[in-house]
Amino acid sequence: MMRWLCALWLLACMASVASVASAAGYPRTVTDIAGRAVVLPSEPRRVFLQSGQDIVALALLDRENPFARLAGWSNGIGDSDPGMWTLMQQRWPGAARVPVLGFDNAGHVDLEALLRLRPDLLVAGITARAAIEGGPVGPILDRLKIPVLYIDTQANAIVNTQQTIALLGRALNREARATAYLADYRRRLAALQTVTQRETRRPTVFIEARAGRMGGQQCCYTQGNTAWGTMVAALGARNLGTALLRIPTGDVALETLIRLKPDVYIMTGTQQVRRGTRGIKLGYGGSAPEATAAMAALMARPGFRATARDPRSCVYALHHQFYNNPFNIVALEYLARALYPQRFAHLDPDASYRDLVARYTDLPATPFVFHVQRNHLGQDRCR
């Protein structure tokens, strides 16, 4: 089997057109999120994305066409964020022709099909590392000298997002673009944390992730010390999921939330469709009235109102896909307004997102709904 796969790779290489001379600065070594020194012999031209959500990072770096250097990808974004996927297909019609090959975090992939795509770099999420290195994929790619680069915008959202953009910028010969975006990102982050670090009150927060994902009555799935939990912590607040869970994600009983009464309750919403879901459809092409109605239905679940300290306090719904996205700095601004409303009343996260997209991508200016709010009295005005 090993000999056959190696032969397949060699035949594919022999059939390919003559390689273009390496860009200046290659070979180069980059350090990935796993702390591994990865040698890139030349500028990658045939990248395989193990996680489709990472196409948003390429939209920052290969902004003229983030699909241009893809040999293939695992297109999870088409399912998890169909609004973004529709927008990208409209902007880059060739996106739909990029080969799609499933490659989950458990390492399940058709290895022969992957090799037929002739990738010269595999970009994978850090959560897939154990499966890749512990299964057949890692050793075969290593033997064929196909580099693997681990990135992350989820597990340690704020810290690793910055490192990921920097290392992808270096790997893909887009360092100037990465540097410019990160300077803006860090300026915005510092403006938030300068204020929150002076706060003596640490509000408690509960994130109901993908609220309604198991139907209109289920409650309450959350994230602990990962993704949204790390974003809450970056603003000096206390994420109840982190305190209550021993694993990264899981369910917390509604009775527990009634007893604890979090200062701030946040639902995240997605356009992801599953049988029986009753989620809040936020994102590109979203409807604020429909999202508010979906949130109102979830707030009408038996006992839910008892989680509130005051009926005038708001429940907030935020676009779920910010949890794994280089634009998560915008999610921090939404969170800051919810956690410290008096301190951050001046923030306009919608405007921030439009500004970042206009400055650093070629995504078109298209309507979106990333946030709605509603108090327990049925009003959008919060205490």
Protein backbone atom coordinates (compact mmCIF):
# COMPACT_ATOMS: atom_id res chain seq x y z
CA MET A 1 0.00 0.00 0.00
CA MET A 2 2.75 2.41 0.94
CA ARG A 3 4.68 1.72 -2.28
CA TRP A 4 1.52 2.17 -4.34
CA LEU A 5 0.77 5.54 -2.74
CA CYS A 6 4.34 6.73 -3.28
CA ALA A 7 4.18 5.64 -6.91
CA LEU A 8 0.89 7.47 -7.35
CA TRP A 9 2.45 10.63 -6.00
CA LEU A 10 5.51 10.37 -8.23
CA LEU A 11 3.40 9.77 -11.34
CA ALA A 12 1.24 12.79 -10.52
CA CYS A 13 4.33 14.93 -10.10
CA MET A 14 5.80 13.71 -13.42
CA ALA A 15 2.55 14.57 -15.20
CA SER A 16 2.40 18.08 -13.81
CA VAL A 17 3.69 21.11 -15.66
CA ALA A 18 7.19 22.36 -14.95
CA SER A 19 7.34 24.02 -11.58
CA VAL A 20 7.63 27.79 -11.30
CA ALA A 21 10.81 29.08 -9.70
CA SER A 22 10.49 29.63 -5.97
CA ALA A 23 9.71 33.15 -4.82
CA ALA A 24 12.42 35.04 -3.00
CA GLY A 25 12.83 33.94 0.57
CA TYR A 26 12.17 30.24 0.04
CA PRO A 27 12.85 27.77 1.38
CA ARG A 28 11.68 29.24 4.66
CA THR A 29 10.79 27.90 8.06
CA VAL A 30 7.63 28.82 9.94
CA THR A 31 6.58 27.83 13.45
CA ASP A 32 3.01 26.61 13.59
CA ILE A 33 0.49 26.68 16.46
CA ALA A 34 1.73 23.28 17.64
CA GLY A 35 5.22 24.78 18.05
CA ARG A 36 6.62 22.75 15.15
CA ALA A 37 9.25 24.17 12.83
CA VAL A 38 7.84 23.54 9.34
CA VAL A 39 10.10 23.94 6.30
CA LEU A 40 8.45 25.19 3.11
CA PRO A 41 10.70 24.54 0.10
CA SER A 42 8.83 27.01 -2.11
CA GLU A 43 5.80 29.27 -2.01
CA PRO A 44 2.76 26.98 -1.67
CA ARG A 45 0.67 26.87 -4.83
CA ARG A 46 -1.55 23.85 -4.16
CA VAL A 47 -2.88 24.16 -0.61
CA PHE A 48 -5.39 21.76 0.92
CA LEU A 49 -7.56 23.23 3.71
CA GLN A 50 -8.60 20.60 6.25
CA SER A 51 -11.10 23.03 7.84
CA GLY A 52 -13.27 24.99 5.43
CA GLN A 53 -13.82 27.80 7.94
CA ASP A 54 -10.18 28.80 7.37
CA ILE A 55 -11.08 30.15 3.94
CA VAL A 56 -11.95 33.37 5.77
CA ALA A 57 -8.28 33.73 6.77
CA LEU A 58 -7.29 33.30 3.13
CA ALA A 59 -9.78 36.02 2.22
CA LEU A 60 -7.56 38.36 4.26
CA LEU A 61 -4.28 37.21 2.74
CA ASP A 62 -5.13 36.12 -0.82
CA ARG A 63 -7.79 38.77 -1.05
CA GLU A 64 -7.95 38.92 -4.87
CA ASN A 65 -9.06 35.28 -4.84
CA PRO A 66 -8.75 33.14 -1.70
CA PHE A 67 -9.51 30.03 -3.76
CA ALA A 68 -6.75 30.59 -6.33
CA ARG A 69 -4.10 28.47 -4.63
CA LEU A 70 -6.42 25.77 -3.29
CA ALA A 71 -5.84 22.27 -4.63
CA GLY A 72 -8.88 21.22 -2.61
CA TRP A 73 -10.62 21.67 0.69
CA SER A 74 -13.05 20.25 3.19
CA ASN A 75 -15.85 22.74 2.62
CA GLY A 76 -17.41 22.87 6.07
CA ILE A 77 -18.36 26.52 5.65
CA GLY A 78 -21.02 25.62 3.10
CA ASP A 79 -22.87 23.85 5.89
CA SER A 80 -21.92 25.90 8.94
CA ASP A 81 -22.16 29.39 7.40
CA PRO A 82 -24.17 29.21 4.15
CA GLY A 83 -24.58 32.99 4.04
CA MET A 84 -20.81 33.49 3.83
CA TRP A 85 -20.44 30.63 1.34
CA THR A 86 -23.11 32.15 -0.92
CA LEU A 87 -21.37 35.53 -0.78
CA MET A 88 -18.00 33.97 -1.67
CA GLN A 89 -19.45 32.09 -4.63
CA GLN A 90 -21.01 35.30 -5.92
CA ARG A 91 -17.69 37.13 -5.60
CA TRP A 92 -15.51 34.27 -6.87
CA PRO A 93 -17.61 32.02 -9.13
CA GLY A 94 -14.73 29.57 -9.50
CA ALA A 95 -15.01 28.72 -5.79
CA ALA A 96 -17.65 26.08 -6.51
CA ARG A 97 -15.24 24.27 -8.85
CA VAL A 98 -12.51 23.74 -6.23
CA PRO A 99 -12.41 20.00 -5.40
CA VAL A 100 -14.14 19.16 -2.12
CA LEU A 101 -12.89 16.28 0.01
CA GLY A 102 -14.15 15.51 3.51
CA PHE A 103 -11.45 15.60 6.18
CA ASP A 104 -12.74 15.76 9.74
CA ASN A 105 -10.95 16.31 13.03
CA ALA A 106 -10.93 12.56 13.63
CA GLY A 107 -8.66 12.18 10.60
CA HIS A 108 -11.23 10.54 8.36
CA VAL A 109 -10.24 11.25 4.75
CA ASP A 110 -9.88 9.38 1.47
CA LEU A 111 -6.09 9.42 1.45
CA GLU A 112 -5.74 8.31 -2.18
CA ALA A 113 -8.11 11.10 -3.28
CA LEU A 114 -6.11 13.59 -1.21
CA LEU A 115 -2.86 12.58 -2.91
CA ARG A 116 -4.43 12.81 -6.36
CA LEU A 117 -4.99 16.51 -5.64
CA ARG A 118 -1.18 16.91 -5.47
CA PRO A 119 -1.10 19.30 -2.50
CA ASP A 120 2.17 21.00 -1.67
CA LEU A 121 0.88 22.09 1.77
CA LEU A 122 -1.79 20.79 4.13
CA VAL A 123 -3.25 23.44 6.45
CA ALA A 124 -5.06 21.76 9.33
CA GLY A 125 -6.77 22.78 12.55
CA ILE A 126 -4.86 22.09 15.74
CA THR A 127 -7.76 19.95 16.96
CA ALA A 128 -7.03 17.47 14.14
CA ARG A 129 -3.38 17.07 15.06
CA ALA A 130 -3.67 13.93 17.19
CA ALA A 131 -5.69 12.13 14.52
CA ILE A 132 -3.38 13.17 11.68
CA GLU A 133 -0.18 12.22 13.45
CA GLY A 134 -1.61 9.12 15.11
CA GLY A 135 -3.20 7.75 11.94
CA PRO A 136 -1.95 6.97 8.41
CA VAL A 137 -2.21 10.52 7.05
CA GLY A 138 0.68 12.14 8.92
CA PRO A 139 3.34 9.49 8.27
CA ILE A 140 2.51 9.26 4.56
CA LEU A 141 2.56 13.03 4.07
CA ASP A 142 5.85 13.15 5.94
CA ARG A 143 7.35 10.44 3.73
CA LEU A 144 6.19 12.30 0.62
CA LYS A 145 7.60 15.55 2.04
CA ILE A 146 4.27 17.36 1.98
CA PRO A 147 4.38 19.90 4.83
CA VAL A 148 1.56 20.07 7.38
CA LEU A 149 0.85 23.39 9.08
CA TYR A 150 -1.37 23.47 12.18
CA ILE A 151 -3.36 26.63 12.81
CA ASP A 152 -6.11 27.68 15.24
CA THR A 153 -8.70 30.42 15.57
CA GLN A 154 -10.89 28.49 17.99
CA ALA A 155 -9.30 26.65 20.91
CA ASN A 156 -7.52 29.79 22.17
CA ALA A 157 -9.41 32.22 20.03
CA ILE A 158 -7.75 35.58 20.63
CA VAL A 159 -4.12 34.54 21.14
CA ASN A 160 -4.01 31.86 18.45
CA THR A 161 -5.88 33.91 15.86
CA GLN A 162 -3.09 36.46 15.92
CA GLN A 163 -0.41 33.77 15.66
CA THR A 164 -2.31 32.01 12.88
CA ILE A 165 -2.61 35.09 10.69
CA ALA A 166 1.09 35.85 11.21
CA LEU A 167 2.28 32.34 10.35
CA LEU A 168 -0.04 32.02 7.34
CA GLY A 169 1.19 35.38 6.13
CA ARG A 170 4.76 34.14 6.29
CA ALA A 171 3.96 30.72 4.83
CA LEU A 172 2.02 32.13 1.87
CA ASN A 173 4.31 35.07 1.16
CA ARG A 174 1.68 37.55 2.35
CA GLU A 175 3.53 38.99 5.32
CA ALA A 176 2.73 42.64 4.62
CA ARG A 177 -0.99 41.95 4.52
CA ALA A 178 -0.87 39.89 7.69
CA THR A 179 1.11 42.60 9.48
CA ALA A 180 -1.32 45.34 8.46
CA TYR A 181 -4.39 43.41 9.61
CA LEU A 182 -2.79 42.38 12.89
CA ALA A 183 -1.80 45.96 13.69
CA ASP A 184 -5.46 46.98 13.37
CA TYR A 185 -6.61 43.89 15.31
CA ARG A 186 -4.22 44.59 18.18
CA ARG A 187 -5.13 48.26 18.31
CA ARG A 188 -8.80 47.38 18.71
CA LEU A 189 -8.01 44.67 21.26
CA ALA A 190 -5.88 47.05 23.34
CA ALA A 191 -8.67 49.66 23.31
CA LEU A 192 -11.05 47.09 24.81
CA GLN A 193 -8.69 45.56 27.35
CA THR A 194 -7.39 48.92 28.58
CA VAL A 195 -10.92 49.59 29.82
CA THR A 196 -11.83 46.09 31.04
CA GLN A 197 -8.59 45.69 33.00
CA ARG A 198 -9.61 48.66 35.14
CA GLU A 199 -12.98 47.10 35.99
CA THR A 200 -13.29 45.73 39.50
CA ARG A 201 -16.59 43.98 38.76
CA ARG A 202 -16.29 40.75 36.79
CA PRO A 203 -19.70 39.93 35.33
CA THR A 204 -20.72 36.29 35.04
CA VAL A 205 -21.68 35.20 31.54
CA PHE A 206 -23.46 32.18 30.14
CA ILE A 207 -23.04 31.40 26.45
CA GLU A 208 -25.75 29.14 25.06
CA ALA A 209 -23.89 28.06 21.93
CA ARG A 210 -26.00 27.39 18.85
CA ALA A 211 -29.14 27.90 20.87
CA GLY A 212 -32.00 25.75 19.60
CA ARG A 213 -29.68 23.32 17.86
CA MET A 214 -31.56 20.31 19.29
CA GLY A 215 -35.02 21.84 19.00
CA GLY A 216 -37.14 24.47 20.64
CA GLN A 217 -37.14 22.97 24.14
CA GLN A 218 -33.54 21.81 24.68
CA CYS A 219 -31.26 23.83 26.97
CA CYS A 220 -28.40 24.57 27.58
CA TYR A 221 -25.34 23.62 25.49
CA THR A 222 -22.26 25.76 26.13
CA GLN A 223 -18.52 26.19 25.66
CA GLY A 224 -16.00 26.14 28.47
CA ASN A 225 -12.36 27.18 28.19
CA THR A 226 -12.45 27.29 24.41
CA ALA A 227 -13.83 29.47 21.61
CA TRP A 228 -16.48 31.83 23.04
CA GLY A 229 -15.30 31.01 26.55
CA THR A 230 -11.82 32.33 25.80
CA MET A 231 -13.31 35.48 24.26
CA VAL A 232 -15.31 36.15 27.42
CA ALA A 233 -12.15 35.67 29.50
CA ALA A 234 -10.22 38.10 27.26
CA LEU A 235 -12.60 40.82 28.46
CA GLY A 236 -12.12 40.03 32.14
CA ALA A 237 -15.52 38.39 32.64
CA ARG A 238 -16.27 34.98 34.15
CA ASN A 239 -17.58 32.34 31.76
CA LEU A 240 -19.89 29.98 33.64
CA GLY A 241 -19.20 27.20 31.15
CA THR A 242 -15.54 27.24 32.12
CA ALA A 243 -16.44 26.91 35.80
CA LEU A 244 -19.11 24.24 35.33
CA LEU A 245 -17.65 21.95 32.66
CA ARG A 246 -14.71 19.58 32.92
CA ILE A 247 -14.59 19.25 29.13
CA PRO A 248 -14.42 21.94 26.43
CA THR A 249 -18.14 21.79 25.57
CA GLY A 250 -21.24 20.26 27.11
CA ASP A 251 -24.68 20.83 28.56
CA VAL A 252 -25.56 22.76 31.71
CA ALA A 253 -28.93 22.14 33.33
CA LEU A 254 -31.40 25.01 33.19
CA GLU A 255 -31.98 24.54 36.92
CA THR A 256 -28.31 25.38 37.51
CA LEU A 257 -28.66 28.62 35.56
CA ILE A 258 -31.81 29.51 37.47
CA ARG A 259 -29.87 29.09 40.69
CA LEU A 260 -26.79 31.02 39.50
CA LYS A 261 -28.58 33.73 37.51
CA PRO A 262 -25.77 34.92 35.22
CA ASP A 263 -25.32 38.66 34.87
CA VAL A 264 -25.35 38.33 31.07
CA TYR A 265 -27.03 35.62 28.97
CA ILE A 266 -25.86 35.23 25.40
CA MET A 267 -27.19 32.91 22.72
CA THR A 268 -25.21 32.27 19.57
CA GLY A 269 -27.05 31.78 16.31
CA THR A 270 -26.19 30.13 13.04
CA GLN A 271 -27.80 29.49 9.66
CA GLN A 272 -26.70 25.87 9.90
CA VAL A 273 -29.72 23.70 9.22
CA ARG A 274 -30.30 20.35 10.87
CA ARG A 275 -33.49 18.39 11.20
CA GLY A 276 -35.38 19.64 14.23
CA THR A 277 -33.27 22.76 14.81
CA ARG A 278 -34.90 25.96 16.03
CA GLY A 279 -31.85 28.20 15.87
CA ILE A 280 -31.36 31.94 15.46
CA LYS A 281 -30.31 32.51 11.86
CA LEU A 282 -27.69 35.23 11.97
CA GLY A 283 -25.09 36.10 9.34
CA TYR A 284 -25.03 37.38 5.79
CA GLY A 285 -28.54 37.64 4.39
CA GLY A 286 -30.05 37.30 7.85
CA SER A 287 -33.31 38.96 8.87
CA ALA A 288 -33.40 40.88 12.15
CA PRO A 289 -37.17 40.36 12.67
CA GLU A 290 -36.85 36.62 12.01
CA ALA A 291 -33.83 36.32 14.30
CA THR A 292 -35.61 38.23 17.06
CA ALA A 293 -38.68 36.01 16.70
CA ALA A 294 -36.52 32.88 16.93
CA MET A 295 -34.82 34.23 20.04
CA ALA A 296 -38.21 35.12 21.58
CA ALA A 297 -39.35 31.53 21.05
CA LEU A 298 -36.27 30.20 22.84
CA MET A 299 -36.78 32.69 25.66
CA ALA A 300 -40.32 31.31 26.04
CA ARG A 301 -39.01 27.87 27.05
CA PRO A 302 -40.48 26.76 30.39
CA GLY A 303 -38.46 28.16 33.27
CA PHE A 304 -36.12 30.25 31.13
CA ARG A 305 -37.37 33.58 32.45
CA ALA A 306 -36.27 32.53 35.94
CA THR A 307 -32.62 32.77 34.84
CA ALA A 308 -32.91 36.57 34.80
CA ARG A 309 -32.03 38.76 37.76
CA ASP A 310 -34.34 41.45 36.39
CA PRO A 311 -37.04 41.09 33.68
CA ARG A 312 -35.69 44.24 32.07
CA SER A 313 -32.28 42.63 31.49
CA CYS A 314 -31.54 41.60 27.94
CA VAL A 315 -30.63 38.33 26.33
CA TYR A 316 -28.20 38.86 23.46
CA ALA A 317 -27.88 36.79 20.30
CA LEU A 318 -24.56 36.89 18.43
CA HIS A 319 -23.38 35.34 15.16
CA HIS A 320 -21.99 31.94 16.15
CA GLN A 321 -19.35 31.73 13.40
CA PHE A 322 -17.26 34.42 15.07
CA TYR A 323 -16.05 31.64 17.39
CA ASN A 324 -13.68 30.34 14.69
CA ASN A 325 -12.93 33.37 12.57
CA PRO A 326 -10.12 35.93 12.18
CA PHE A 327 -12.77 38.65 12.54
CA ASN A 328 -13.40 37.58 16.14
CA ILE A 329 -12.21 41.02 17.22
CA VAL A 330 -15.69 42.18 16.14
CA ALA A 331 -17.23 39.52 18.39
CA LEU A 332 -15.20 41.02 21.26
CA GLU A 333 -16.76 44.40 20.57
CA TYR A 334 -20.27 42.92 20.65
CA LEU A 335 -19.37 41.12 23.88
CA ALA A 336 -17.90 44.29 25.41
CA ARG A 337 -21.15 46.18 24.80
CA ALA A 338 -23.15 43.39 26.43
CA LEU A 339 -20.82 42.93 29.41
CA TYR A 340 -20.03 46.57 30.14
CA PRO A 341 -22.83 48.58 28.49
CA GLN A 342 -21.97 51.89 30.10
CA ARG A 343 -18.27 51.65 29.27
CA PHE A 344 -18.75 50.64 25.65
CA ALA A 345 -21.97 52.37 24.61
CA HIS A 346 -19.95 54.19 21.93
CA LEU A 347 -18.93 51.01 20.12
CA ASP A 348 -20.47 50.17 16.75
CA PRO A 349 -19.35 46.61 15.97
CA ASP A 350 -21.34 46.53 12.72
CA ALA A 351 -19.33 49.53 11.50
CA SER A 352 -16.11 47.89 12.69
CA TYR A 353 -16.85 44.78 10.63
CA ARG A 354 -17.67 46.81 7.51
CA ASP A 355 -14.44 48.76 7.96
CA LEU A 356 -12.28 45.65 8.35
CA VAL A 357 -13.85 43.95 5.34
CA ALA A 358 -13.41 47.06 3.19
CA ARG A 359 -9.78 47.60 4.25
CA TYR A 360 -8.45 44.06 4.19
CA THR A 361 -10.58 41.93 1.86
CA ASP A 362 -12.29 42.00 -1.51
CA LEU A 363 -15.57 40.75 -0.05
CA PRO A 364 -18.42 42.93 -1.28
CA ALA A 365 -20.36 45.23 1.02
CA THR A 366 -23.44 43.11 1.61
CA PRO A 367 -26.12 43.35 4.33
CA PHE A 368 -25.69 41.15 7.38
CA VAL A 369 -27.28 40.62 10.80
CA PHE A 370 -24.77 39.59 13.45
CA HIS A 371 -26.63 40.69 16.59
CA VAL A 372 -30.11 41.08 18.05
CA GLN A 373 -31.23 41.61 21.64
CA ARG A 374 -34.43 41.36 23.63
CA ASN A 375 -35.36 41.67 27.29
CA HIS A 376 -37.74 39.38 29.13
CA LEU A 377 -40.55 41.91 28.73
CA GLY A 378 -40.37 41.64 24.96
CA GLN A 379 -38.44 44.90 24.40
CA ASP A 380 -35.06 45.54 22.79
CA ARG A 381 -34.14 48.06 25.50
CA CYS A 382 -31.92 46.66 28.23
CA ARG A 383 -31.65 47.50 31.89
